[in-house]
Amino acid sequence: MTNGAQHADDITFKVDKAHLYREETITDLKLASIKKLTPILADGSEDNTRETIFLGASQLTTPQGVIPIQSRLKAKSLDQAMDIFPAAMEIKVQQVLKHFQQLKEQQENLK
């Protein structure tokens, strides 16, 4: 194929066994959702040579539908991730709003 599209025969479904994570989701059943990604080895045991990753996730409800937002939380523990969560989500919301404002301005300039 010359247009850059991949053919089904070209796709390789190979697991990168050197970069495995176990995912846990922590939620307050209201607004906050934090994913804890614990590095593991191929045998399922924890890989203590790599850091745990925390991701904050939430969503914005708009007249056009739900917009998911997600941000990496630079935390060393779940407690720290919960403390960082509000500010990280606020920053992400501001970025999303700025992006939508830019799109709106571009559309208005095309008229």
N, C-alpha and C. Protein backbone atom coordinates (compact mmCIF):
# COMPACT_ATOMS: atom_id res chain seq x y z
N MET A 1 0.84 -1.17 0.00
CA MET A 1 0.00 0.00 0.00
C MET A 1 0.89 1.24 0.00
N THR A 2 0.58 2.16 -0.82
CA THR A 2 1.43 3.33 -0.96
C THR A 2 0.92 4.55 -0.20
N ASN A 3 -0.30 4.52 0.34
CA ASN A 3 -0.84 5.69 1.02
C ASN A 3 -0.51 5.74 2.50
N GLY A 4 0.32 4.86 3.00
CA GLY A 4 0.73 4.88 4.39
C GLY A 4 -0.15 4.02 5.28
N ALA A 5 -1.23 3.47 4.75
CA ALA A 5 -2.10 2.63 5.56
C ALA A 5 -1.45 1.28 5.80
N GLN A 6 -1.70 0.72 6.96
CA GLN A 6 -1.14 -0.59 7.26
C GLN A 6 -2.08 -1.69 6.78
N HIS A 7 -1.52 -2.72 6.31
CA HIS A 7 -2.25 -3.91 5.91
C HIS A 7 -2.34 -4.81 7.13
N ALA A 8 -3.42 -5.56 7.26
CA ALA A 8 -3.61 -6.43 8.42
C ALA A 8 -2.43 -7.37 8.63
N ASP A 9 -1.78 -7.81 7.55
CA ASP A 9 -0.64 -8.72 7.67
C ASP A 9 0.59 -8.02 8.25
N ASP A 10 0.62 -6.67 8.25
CA ASP A 10 1.77 -5.91 8.74
C ASP A 10 1.71 -5.64 10.24
N ILE A 11 0.58 -5.89 10.88
CA ILE A 11 0.42 -5.59 12.30
C ILE A 11 0.96 -6.74 13.13
N THR A 12 1.83 -6.38 14.09
CA THR A 12 2.40 -7.38 14.98
C THR A 12 1.85 -7.14 16.39
N PHE A 13 1.20 -8.12 16.95
CA PHE A 13 0.67 -8.01 18.30
C PHE A 13 1.63 -8.69 19.26
N LYS A 14 2.70 -7.97 19.56
CA LYS A 14 3.72 -8.52 20.45
C LYS A 14 3.70 -7.74 21.76
N VAL A 15 3.68 -8.45 22.87
CA VAL A 15 3.68 -7.83 24.19
C VAL A 15 5.11 -7.44 24.55
N ASP A 16 5.29 -6.19 24.97
CA ASP A 16 6.60 -5.70 25.42
C ASP A 16 6.77 -6.13 26.88
N LYS A 17 7.35 -7.28 27.09
CA LYS A 17 7.47 -7.87 28.42
C LYS A 17 8.39 -7.09 29.35
N ALA A 18 9.15 -6.16 28.84
CA ALA A 18 10.05 -5.35 29.67
C ALA A 18 9.34 -4.11 30.24
N HIS A 19 8.11 -3.85 29.81
CA HIS A 19 7.39 -2.65 30.25
C HIS A 19 5.96 -2.99 30.63
N LEU A 20 5.80 -3.94 31.53
CA LEU A 20 4.47 -4.35 31.96
C LEU A 20 4.05 -3.59 33.22
N TYR A 21 2.74 -3.30 33.32
CA TYR A 21 2.17 -2.62 34.48
C TYR A 21 0.86 -3.30 34.87
N ARG A 22 0.62 -3.37 36.17
CA ARG A 22 -0.67 -3.81 36.68
C ARG A 22 -1.46 -2.54 36.98
N GLU A 23 -2.69 -2.47 36.50
CA GLU A 23 -3.51 -1.27 36.65
C GLU A 23 -4.57 -1.46 37.72
N GLU A 24 -4.63 -0.50 38.64
CA GLU A 24 -5.69 -0.45 39.64
C GLU A 24 -6.39 0.89 39.49
N THR A 25 -7.69 0.92 39.69
CA THR A 25 -8.42 2.17 39.62
C THR A 25 -8.98 2.48 41.00
N ILE A 26 -8.70 3.69 41.47
CA ILE A 26 -9.18 4.17 42.75
C ILE A 26 -10.14 5.31 42.45
N THR A 27 -11.34 5.27 43.03
CA THR A 27 -12.33 6.30 42.76
C THR A 27 -13.08 6.67 44.02
N ASP A 28 -13.58 7.90 44.05
CA ASP A 28 -14.44 8.32 45.16
C ASP A 28 -15.92 8.17 44.79
N LEU A 29 -16.19 7.55 43.65
CA LEU A 29 -17.54 7.34 43.12
C LEU A 29 -18.28 8.65 42.86
N LYS A 30 -17.54 9.74 42.79
CA LYS A 30 -18.14 11.04 42.48
C LYS A 30 -17.47 11.60 41.24
N LEU A 31 -16.33 12.23 41.45
CA LEU A 31 -15.65 12.92 40.37
C LEU A 31 -14.25 12.37 40.09
N ALA A 32 -13.58 11.93 41.14
CA ALA A 32 -12.17 11.56 41.03
C ALA A 32 -11.97 10.09 40.64
N SER A 33 -11.02 9.90 39.75
CA SER A 33 -10.57 8.56 39.38
C SER A 33 -9.06 8.63 39.21
N ILE A 34 -8.37 7.78 39.94
CA ILE A 34 -6.91 7.72 39.85
C ILE A 34 -6.51 6.30 39.46
N LYS A 35 -5.73 6.21 38.40
CA LYS A 35 -5.20 4.91 37.99
C LYS A 35 -3.80 4.78 38.57
N LYS A 36 -3.58 3.66 39.23
CA LYS A 36 -2.26 3.35 39.77
C LYS A 36 -1.67 2.25 38.90
N LEU A 37 -0.56 2.56 38.24
CA LEU A 37 0.09 1.60 37.36
C LEU A 37 1.36 1.12 38.05
N THR A 38 1.32 -0.12 38.53
CA THR A 38 2.45 -0.71 39.25
C THR A 38 3.29 -1.52 38.28
N PRO A 39 4.59 -1.21 38.18
CA PRO A 39 5.43 -1.98 37.26
C PRO A 39 5.57 -3.42 37.75
N ILE A 40 5.46 -4.34 36.82
CA ILE A 40 5.59 -5.76 37.15
C ILE A 40 6.52 -6.46 36.16
N LEU A 41 7.01 -7.61 36.59
CA LEU A 41 7.81 -8.48 35.72
C LEU A 41 6.89 -9.44 35.00
N ALA A 42 7.40 -10.15 34.04
CA ALA A 42 6.59 -11.07 33.24
C ALA A 42 5.95 -12.17 34.08
N ASP A 43 6.53 -12.47 35.25
CA ASP A 43 5.94 -13.51 36.12
C ASP A 43 4.84 -12.94 37.03
N GLY A 44 4.57 -11.63 36.92
CA GLY A 44 3.53 -11.01 37.72
C GLY A 44 4.01 -10.37 39.00
N SER A 45 5.26 -10.60 39.36
CA SER A 45 5.79 -10.00 40.58
C SER A 45 6.12 -8.53 40.32
N GLU A 46 6.14 -7.73 41.40
CA GLU A 46 6.43 -6.30 41.25
C GLU A 46 7.87 -6.08 40.83
N ASP A 47 8.05 -5.10 39.95
CA ASP A 47 9.37 -4.71 39.48
C ASP A 47 9.78 -3.46 40.25
N ASN A 48 10.57 -3.63 41.29
CA ASN A 48 10.95 -2.52 42.16
C ASN A 48 12.02 -1.60 41.55
N THR A 49 12.48 -1.89 40.34
CA THR A 49 13.48 -1.04 39.69
C THR A 49 12.82 0.12 38.94
N ARG A 50 11.50 0.05 38.75
CA ARG A 50 10.78 1.12 38.05
C ARG A 50 9.76 1.77 38.99
N GLU A 51 9.42 3.02 38.70
CA GLU A 51 8.50 3.76 39.54
C GLU A 51 7.04 3.47 39.19
N THR A 52 6.20 3.53 40.20
CA THR A 52 4.76 3.44 40.01
C THR A 52 4.29 4.73 39.34
N ILE A 53 3.34 4.61 38.43
CA ILE A 53 2.79 5.75 37.71
C ILE A 53 1.35 5.97 38.19
N PHE A 54 1.00 7.24 38.43
CA PHE A 54 -0.37 7.60 38.79
C PHE A 54 -0.94 8.50 37.70
N LEU A 55 -2.17 8.20 37.27
CA LEU A 55 -2.87 9.01 36.28
C LEU A 55 -4.20 9.46 36.86
N GLY A 56 -4.45 10.75 36.82
CA GLY A 56 -5.74 11.28 37.25
C GLY A 56 -6.66 11.35 36.06
N ALA A 57 -7.93 11.03 36.28
CA ALA A 57 -8.90 11.07 35.19
C ALA A 57 -10.23 11.58 35.71
N SER A 58 -10.91 12.33 34.88
CA SER A 58 -12.25 12.81 35.17
C SER A 58 -12.91 13.13 33.84
N GLN A 59 -14.00 13.85 33.88
CA GLN A 59 -14.66 14.21 32.62
C GLN A 59 -15.42 15.50 32.79
N LEU A 60 -15.55 16.20 31.68
CA LEU A 60 -16.34 17.42 31.60
C LEU A 60 -17.61 17.10 30.84
N THR A 61 -18.74 17.59 31.33
CA THR A 61 -20.00 17.41 30.62
C THR A 61 -20.32 18.72 29.92
N THR A 62 -20.49 18.64 28.60
CA THR A 62 -20.80 19.81 27.79
C THR A 62 -22.09 19.56 27.02
N PRO A 63 -22.68 20.59 26.44
CA PRO A 63 -23.87 20.38 25.60
C PRO A 63 -23.59 19.44 24.42
N GLN A 64 -22.33 19.37 23.99
CA GLN A 64 -21.96 18.50 22.87
C GLN A 64 -21.64 17.08 23.31
N GLY A 65 -21.55 16.84 24.61
CA GLY A 65 -21.25 15.51 25.10
C GLY A 65 -20.17 15.54 26.17
N VAL A 66 -19.75 14.37 26.58
CA VAL A 66 -18.76 14.22 27.64
C VAL A 66 -17.35 14.29 27.05
N ILE A 67 -16.48 15.04 27.73
CA ILE A 67 -15.09 15.15 27.30
C ILE A 67 -14.22 14.53 28.40
N PRO A 68 -13.55 13.43 28.11
CA PRO A 68 -12.67 12.84 29.12
C PRO A 68 -11.39 13.67 29.27
N ILE A 69 -10.92 13.81 30.50
CA ILE A 69 -9.65 14.48 30.74
C ILE A 69 -8.77 13.57 31.57
N GLN A 70 -7.49 13.60 31.28
CA GLN A 70 -6.54 12.72 31.98
C GLN A 70 -5.20 13.44 32.09
N SER A 71 -4.52 13.23 33.20
CA SER A 71 -3.23 13.85 33.41
C SER A 71 -2.36 12.95 34.29
N ARG A 72 -1.09 12.89 33.96
CA ARG A 72 -0.17 12.16 34.81
C ARG A 72 0.03 12.95 36.09
N LEU A 73 0.00 12.25 37.21
CA LEU A 73 0.18 12.87 38.51
C LEU A 73 1.59 12.54 38.99
N LYS A 74 2.39 13.56 39.20
CA LYS A 74 3.77 13.34 39.62
C LYS A 74 3.79 13.09 41.13
N ALA A 75 3.47 11.84 41.49
CA ALA A 75 3.34 11.46 42.88
C ALA A 75 4.13 10.19 43.18
N LYS A 76 4.53 10.06 44.42
CA LYS A 76 5.27 8.87 44.87
C LYS A 76 4.36 7.90 45.61
N SER A 77 3.15 8.36 45.99
CA SER A 77 2.23 7.51 46.74
C SER A 77 0.80 7.85 46.33
N LEU A 78 -0.12 6.97 46.68
CA LEU A 78 -1.53 7.22 46.38
C LEU A 78 -2.01 8.45 47.15
N ASP A 79 -1.62 8.59 48.39
CA ASP A 79 -2.02 9.75 49.19
C ASP A 79 -1.57 11.05 48.52
N GLN A 80 -0.34 11.07 48.06
CA GLN A 80 0.19 12.25 47.37
C GLN A 80 -0.57 12.48 46.05
N ALA A 81 -0.89 11.41 45.34
CA ALA A 81 -1.64 11.53 44.08
C ALA A 81 -3.02 12.16 44.33
N MET A 82 -3.67 11.77 45.42
CA MET A 82 -4.97 12.35 45.74
C MET A 82 -4.85 13.84 46.05
N ASP A 83 -3.76 14.24 46.69
CA ASP A 83 -3.54 15.65 46.99
C ASP A 83 -3.26 16.46 45.72
N ILE A 84 -2.56 15.88 44.78
CA ILE A 84 -2.19 16.55 43.53
C ILE A 84 -3.36 16.59 42.54
N PHE A 85 -4.26 15.64 42.64
CA PHE A 85 -5.35 15.47 41.69
C PHE A 85 -6.11 16.76 41.36
N PRO A 86 -6.62 17.53 42.35
CA PRO A 86 -7.42 18.71 42.00
C PRO A 86 -6.68 19.71 41.12
N ALA A 87 -5.46 20.04 41.48
CA ALA A 87 -4.70 21.03 40.70
C ALA A 87 -4.39 20.50 39.30
N ALA A 88 -4.06 19.22 39.20
CA ALA A 88 -3.75 18.63 37.89
C ALA A 88 -4.97 18.65 36.98
N MET A 89 -6.15 18.36 37.53
CA MET A 89 -7.36 18.37 36.72
C MET A 89 -7.72 19.80 36.31
N GLU A 90 -7.50 20.76 37.21
CA GLU A 90 -7.78 22.16 36.88
C GLU A 90 -6.89 22.62 35.72
N ILE A 91 -5.62 22.27 35.77
CA ILE A 91 -4.71 22.63 34.67
C ILE A 91 -5.18 22.00 33.36
N LYS A 92 -5.57 20.74 33.42
CA LYS A 92 -6.02 20.05 32.21
C LYS A 92 -7.31 20.67 31.67
N VAL A 93 -8.23 21.04 32.56
CA VAL A 93 -9.48 21.69 32.13
C VAL A 93 -9.16 23.01 31.44
N GLN A 94 -8.26 23.80 32.01
CA GLN A 94 -7.89 25.07 31.39
C GLN A 94 -7.28 24.85 30.01
N GLN A 95 -6.47 23.80 29.85
CA GLN A 95 -5.88 23.48 28.55
C GLN A 95 -6.97 23.12 27.54
N VAL A 96 -7.94 22.32 27.97
CA VAL A 96 -9.04 21.92 27.09
C VAL A 96 -9.87 23.14 26.68
N LEU A 97 -10.18 24.01 27.65
CA LEU A 97 -10.96 25.20 27.34
C LEU A 97 -10.22 26.12 26.38
N LYS A 98 -8.91 26.27 26.58
CA LYS A 98 -8.10 27.09 25.68
C LYS A 98 -8.11 26.51 24.27
N HIS A 99 -8.00 25.19 24.18
CA HIS A 99 -8.02 24.53 22.87
C HIS A 99 -9.36 24.77 22.16
N PHE A 100 -10.47 24.63 22.90
CA PHE A 100 -11.78 24.86 22.29
C PHE A 100 -11.95 26.32 21.87
N GLN A 101 -11.42 27.24 22.64
CA GLN A 101 -11.48 28.66 22.28
C GLN A 101 -10.72 28.91 20.98
N GLN A 102 -9.54 28.27 20.86
CA GLN A 102 -8.75 28.42 19.63
C GLN A 102 -9.50 27.86 18.43
N LEU A 103 -10.15 26.71 18.61
CA LEU A 103 -10.94 26.12 17.52
C LEU A 103 -12.09 27.03 17.12
N LYS A 104 -12.75 27.62 18.11
CA LYS A 104 -13.85 28.54 17.84
C LYS A 104 -13.38 29.75 17.05
N GLU A 105 -12.25 30.31 17.45
CA GLU A 105 -11.69 31.47 16.75
C GLU A 105 -11.31 31.11 15.31
N GLN A 106 -10.74 29.93 15.10
CA GLN A 106 -10.38 29.49 13.76
C GLN A 106 -11.63 29.36 12.89
N GLN A 107 -12.70 28.80 13.44
CA GLN A 107 -13.94 28.65 12.68
C GLN A 107 -14.52 30.02 12.32
N GLU A 108 -14.47 30.95 13.27
CA GLU A 108 -14.99 32.30 13.01
C GLU A 108 -14.17 33.01 11.93
N ASN A 109 -12.86 32.77 11.90
CA ASN A 109 -11.99 33.38 10.88
C ASN A 109 -12.25 32.82 9.49
N LEU A 110 -12.80 31.61 9.42
CA LEU A 110 -13.08 30.99 8.13
C LEU A 110 -14.37 31.52 7.52
N LYS A 111 -15.19 32.17 8.32
CA LYS A 111 -16.49 32.67 7.82
C LYS A 111 -16.32 33.92 7.00
